[in-house]
Each structure stands twice: as structure tokens, then as C-alpha cells.
């Protein structure tokens, strides 16, 4: 798979999760729920302080069919803000 195809596939999942969060929490604004750039360290969905309090999750998103590295993905989601619940979406 070409690099551009991977980035597009990753962005599709990020946008889908962002939209679901905004739909679930209608009082959040678009600036409260942002998507990370490809290759950026940290969570894949960047939440504002208000978003962190309401959603309470740290998201790691993987748009692939293989799940043999799911424990590594969970470790990635567990890094950073320890007050948030780690969540892996694949």
C-alpha cells in the first residue's frame, strides 16, 4: 500500500471517530475535538480540557485488519494523561 493511501485510510478513521464524539456530545465544539497529524506523537484524537473531562478517554486509532499487535496499541493509548481511560479503536 502506498504512503498516501495509508494516510488517507488513517484520516478516514480519525474523522469518523471525531464525528461520533461530536455527535455523542453535542455541546462540544469542533475546536474541542481535533485529529492528530499522521506520525504525530500522542493521542490520535486531541481533546481540549473540556473534552477530556466529558469524554474521559485517550484514543489510539488503527485502521487495519491485523490485530496481533493489539497489546502494543493499548500500551500506546495508556501513555500520557493517566487520568484518561485508554481506548483502542481498530
C-alpha atoms as a PDB file:
ATOM      1  CA  UNK A   1       0.000   0.000   0.000  1.00  0.00           C
ATOM      2  CA  UNK A   2       1.329   3.432  -0.901  1.00  0.00           C
ATOM      3  CA  UNK A   3       2.059   6.024   1.781  1.00  0.00           C
ATOM      4  CA  UNK A   4      -0.697   8.374   0.568  1.00  0.00           C
ATOM      5  CA  UNK A   5      -3.244   5.543   0.707  1.00  0.00           C
ATOM      6  CA  UNK A   6      -2.210   4.758   4.299  1.00  0.00           C
ATOM      7  CA  UNK A   7      -2.558   8.386   5.336  1.00  0.00           C
ATOM      8  CA  UNK A   8      -5.977   8.657   3.704  1.00  0.00           C
ATOM      9  CA  UNK A   9      -7.140   5.426   5.357  1.00  0.00           C
ATOM     10  CA  UNK A  10      -5.918   6.653   8.752  1.00  0.00           C
ATOM     11  CA  UNK A  11      -7.566  10.056   8.290  1.00  0.00           C
ATOM     12  CA  UNK A  12     -10.901   8.406   7.446  1.00  0.00           C
ATOM     13  CA  UNK A  13     -10.959   6.571  10.786  1.00  0.00           C
ATOM     14  CA  UNK A  14      -9.842   9.652  12.716  1.00  0.00           C
ATOM     15  CA  UNK A  15     -12.576  11.754  11.127  1.00  0.00           C
ATOM     16  CA  UNK A  16     -15.188   9.054  11.781  1.00  0.00           C
ATOM     17  CA  UNK A  17     -14.305   8.839  15.493  1.00  0.00           C
ATOM     18  CA  UNK A  18     -14.127  12.643  15.809  1.00  0.00           C
ATOM     19  CA  UNK A  19     -17.586  12.972  14.240  1.00  0.00           C
ATOM     20  CA  UNK A  20     -19.020  10.262  16.530  1.00  0.00           C
ATOM     21  CA  UNK A  21     -17.638  12.062  19.600  1.00  0.00           C
ATOM     22  CA  UNK A  22     -19.101  15.386  18.429  1.00  0.00           C
ATOM     23  CA  UNK A  23     -22.461  13.711  17.774  1.00  0.00           C
ATOM     24  CA  UNK A  24     -22.463  11.991  21.174  1.00  0.00           C
ATOM     25  CA  UNK A  25     -21.518  15.201  22.997  1.00  0.00           C
ATOM     26  CA  UNK A  26     -23.410  17.900  21.021  1.00  0.00           C
ATOM     27  CA  UNK A  27     -22.326  20.729  23.331  1.00  0.00           C
ATOM     28  CA  UNK A  28     -18.649  20.175  22.367  1.00  0.00           C
ATOM     29  CA  UNK A  29     -17.367  22.422  19.587  1.00  0.00           C
ATOM     30  CA  UNK A  30     -15.156  21.313  16.687  1.00  0.00           C
ATOM     31  CA  UNK A  31     -12.166  23.002  18.344  1.00  0.00           C
ATOM     32  CA  UNK A  32     -12.662  20.740  21.404  1.00  0.00           C
ATOM     33  CA  UNK A  33     -12.113  17.537  19.372  1.00  0.00           C
ATOM     34  CA  UNK A  34      -9.230  17.601  16.874  1.00  0.00           C
ATOM     35  CA  UNK A  35      -7.420  14.886  14.923  1.00  0.00           C
ATOM     36  CA  UNK A  36      -3.646  14.463  15.093  1.00  0.00           C
ATOM     37  CA  UNK A  37      -1.413  14.636  12.047  1.00  0.00           C
ATOM     38  CA  UNK A  38      -0.070  11.344  10.715  1.00  0.00           C
ATOM     39  CA  UNK A  39       3.088  10.417  12.617  1.00  0.00           C
ATOM     40  CA  UNK A  40       2.456  12.904  15.426  1.00  0.00           C
ATOM     41  CA  UNK A  41       3.275  11.613  18.911  1.00  0.00           C
ATOM     42  CA  UNK A  42       0.476  11.435  21.434  1.00  0.00           C
ATOM     43  CA  UNK A  43      -3.198  10.595  21.126  1.00  0.00           C
ATOM     44  CA  UNK A  44      -4.842  10.329  17.713  1.00  0.00           C
ATOM     45  CA  UNK A  45      -7.851  12.353  18.897  1.00  0.00           C
ATOM     46  CA  UNK A  46      -6.800  15.539  20.674  1.00  0.00           C
ATOM     47  CA  UNK A  47      -9.334  16.696  23.238  1.00  0.00           C
ATOM     48  CA  UNK A  48      -9.497  20.107  24.905  1.00  0.00           C
ATOM     49  CA  UNK A  49      -9.683  20.247  28.702  1.00  0.00           C
ATOM     50  CA  UNK A  50     -13.486  20.339  28.479  1.00  0.00           C
ATOM     51  CA  UNK A  51     -13.430  17.387  26.070  1.00  0.00           C
ATOM     52  CA  UNK A  52     -11.122  15.422  28.372  1.00  0.00           C
ATOM     53  CA  UNK A  53     -13.478  15.935  31.308  1.00  0.00           C
ATOM     54  CA  UNK A  54     -16.587  14.947  29.330  1.00  0.00           C
ATOM     55  CA  UNK A  55     -15.205  12.104  27.199  1.00  0.00           C
ATOM     56  CA  UNK A  56     -12.522  10.910  29.622  1.00  0.00           C
ATOM     57  CA  UNK A  57     -10.672   8.735  27.069  1.00  0.00           C
ATOM     58  CA  UNK A  58      -7.286   8.690  25.370  1.00  0.00           C
ATOM     59  CA  UNK A  59      -7.751   7.312  21.848  1.00  0.00           C
ATOM     60  CA  UNK A  60      -5.359   5.190  19.786  1.00  0.00           C
ATOM     61  CA  UNK A  61      -6.796   4.536  16.308  1.00  0.00           C
ATOM     62  CA  UNK A  62      -5.648   1.815  13.905  1.00  0.00           C
ATOM     63  CA  UNK A  63      -7.333   1.250  10.554  1.00  0.00           C
ATOM     64  CA  UNK A  64      -6.045  -2.239   9.763  1.00  0.00           C
ATOM     65  CA  UNK A  65      -7.275  -5.798   9.826  1.00  0.00           C
ATOM     66  CA  UNK A  66      -4.357  -7.423  11.695  1.00  0.00           C
ATOM     67  CA  UNK A  67      -4.815  -7.338  15.449  1.00  0.00           C
ATOM     68  CA  UNK A  68      -1.806  -9.325  16.634  1.00  0.00           C
ATOM     69  CA  UNK A  69      -0.223  -6.135  17.975  1.00  0.00           C
ATOM     70  CA  UNK A  70      -3.303  -5.007  19.897  1.00  0.00           C
ATOM     71  CA  UNK A  71      -1.427  -5.060  23.209  1.00  0.00           C
ATOM     72  CA  UNK A  72       1.175  -2.654  21.823  1.00  0.00           C
ATOM     73  CA  UNK A  73      -1.643  -0.363  20.653  1.00  0.00           C
ATOM     74  CA  UNK A  74      -3.124  -0.472  24.165  1.00  0.00           C
ATOM     75  CA  UNK A  75       0.265   0.486  25.621  1.00  0.00           C
ATOM     76  CA  UNK A  76       0.337   3.448  23.219  1.00  0.00           C
ATOM     77  CA  UNK A  77      -3.122   4.514  24.366  1.00  0.00           C
ATOM     78  CA  UNK A  78      -2.025   4.158  28.019  1.00  0.00           C
ATOM     79  CA  UNK A  79       0.825   6.671  27.629  1.00  0.00           C
ATOM     80  CA  UNK A  80       0.352  10.294  28.519  1.00  0.00           C
ATOM     81  CA  UNK A  81      -2.517  11.534  30.633  1.00  0.00           C
ATOM     82  CA  UNK A  82      -3.124   8.780  33.204  1.00  0.00           C
ATOM     83  CA  UNK A  83      -6.426  10.280  34.338  1.00  0.00           C
ATOM     84  CA  UNK A  84      -7.973   9.287  30.971  1.00  0.00           C
ATOM     85  CA  UNK A  85      -9.157   5.773  30.120  1.00  0.00           C
ATOM     86  CA  UNK A  86      -7.072   4.223  27.318  1.00  0.00           C
ATOM     87  CA  UNK A  87      -9.181   3.223  24.287  1.00  0.00           C
ATOM     88  CA  UNK A  88      -8.082   1.387  21.137  1.00  0.00           C
ATOM     89  CA  UNK A  89     -10.284   1.703  18.041  1.00  0.00           C
ATOM     90  CA  UNK A  90      -9.470  -0.540  15.083  1.00  0.00           C
END
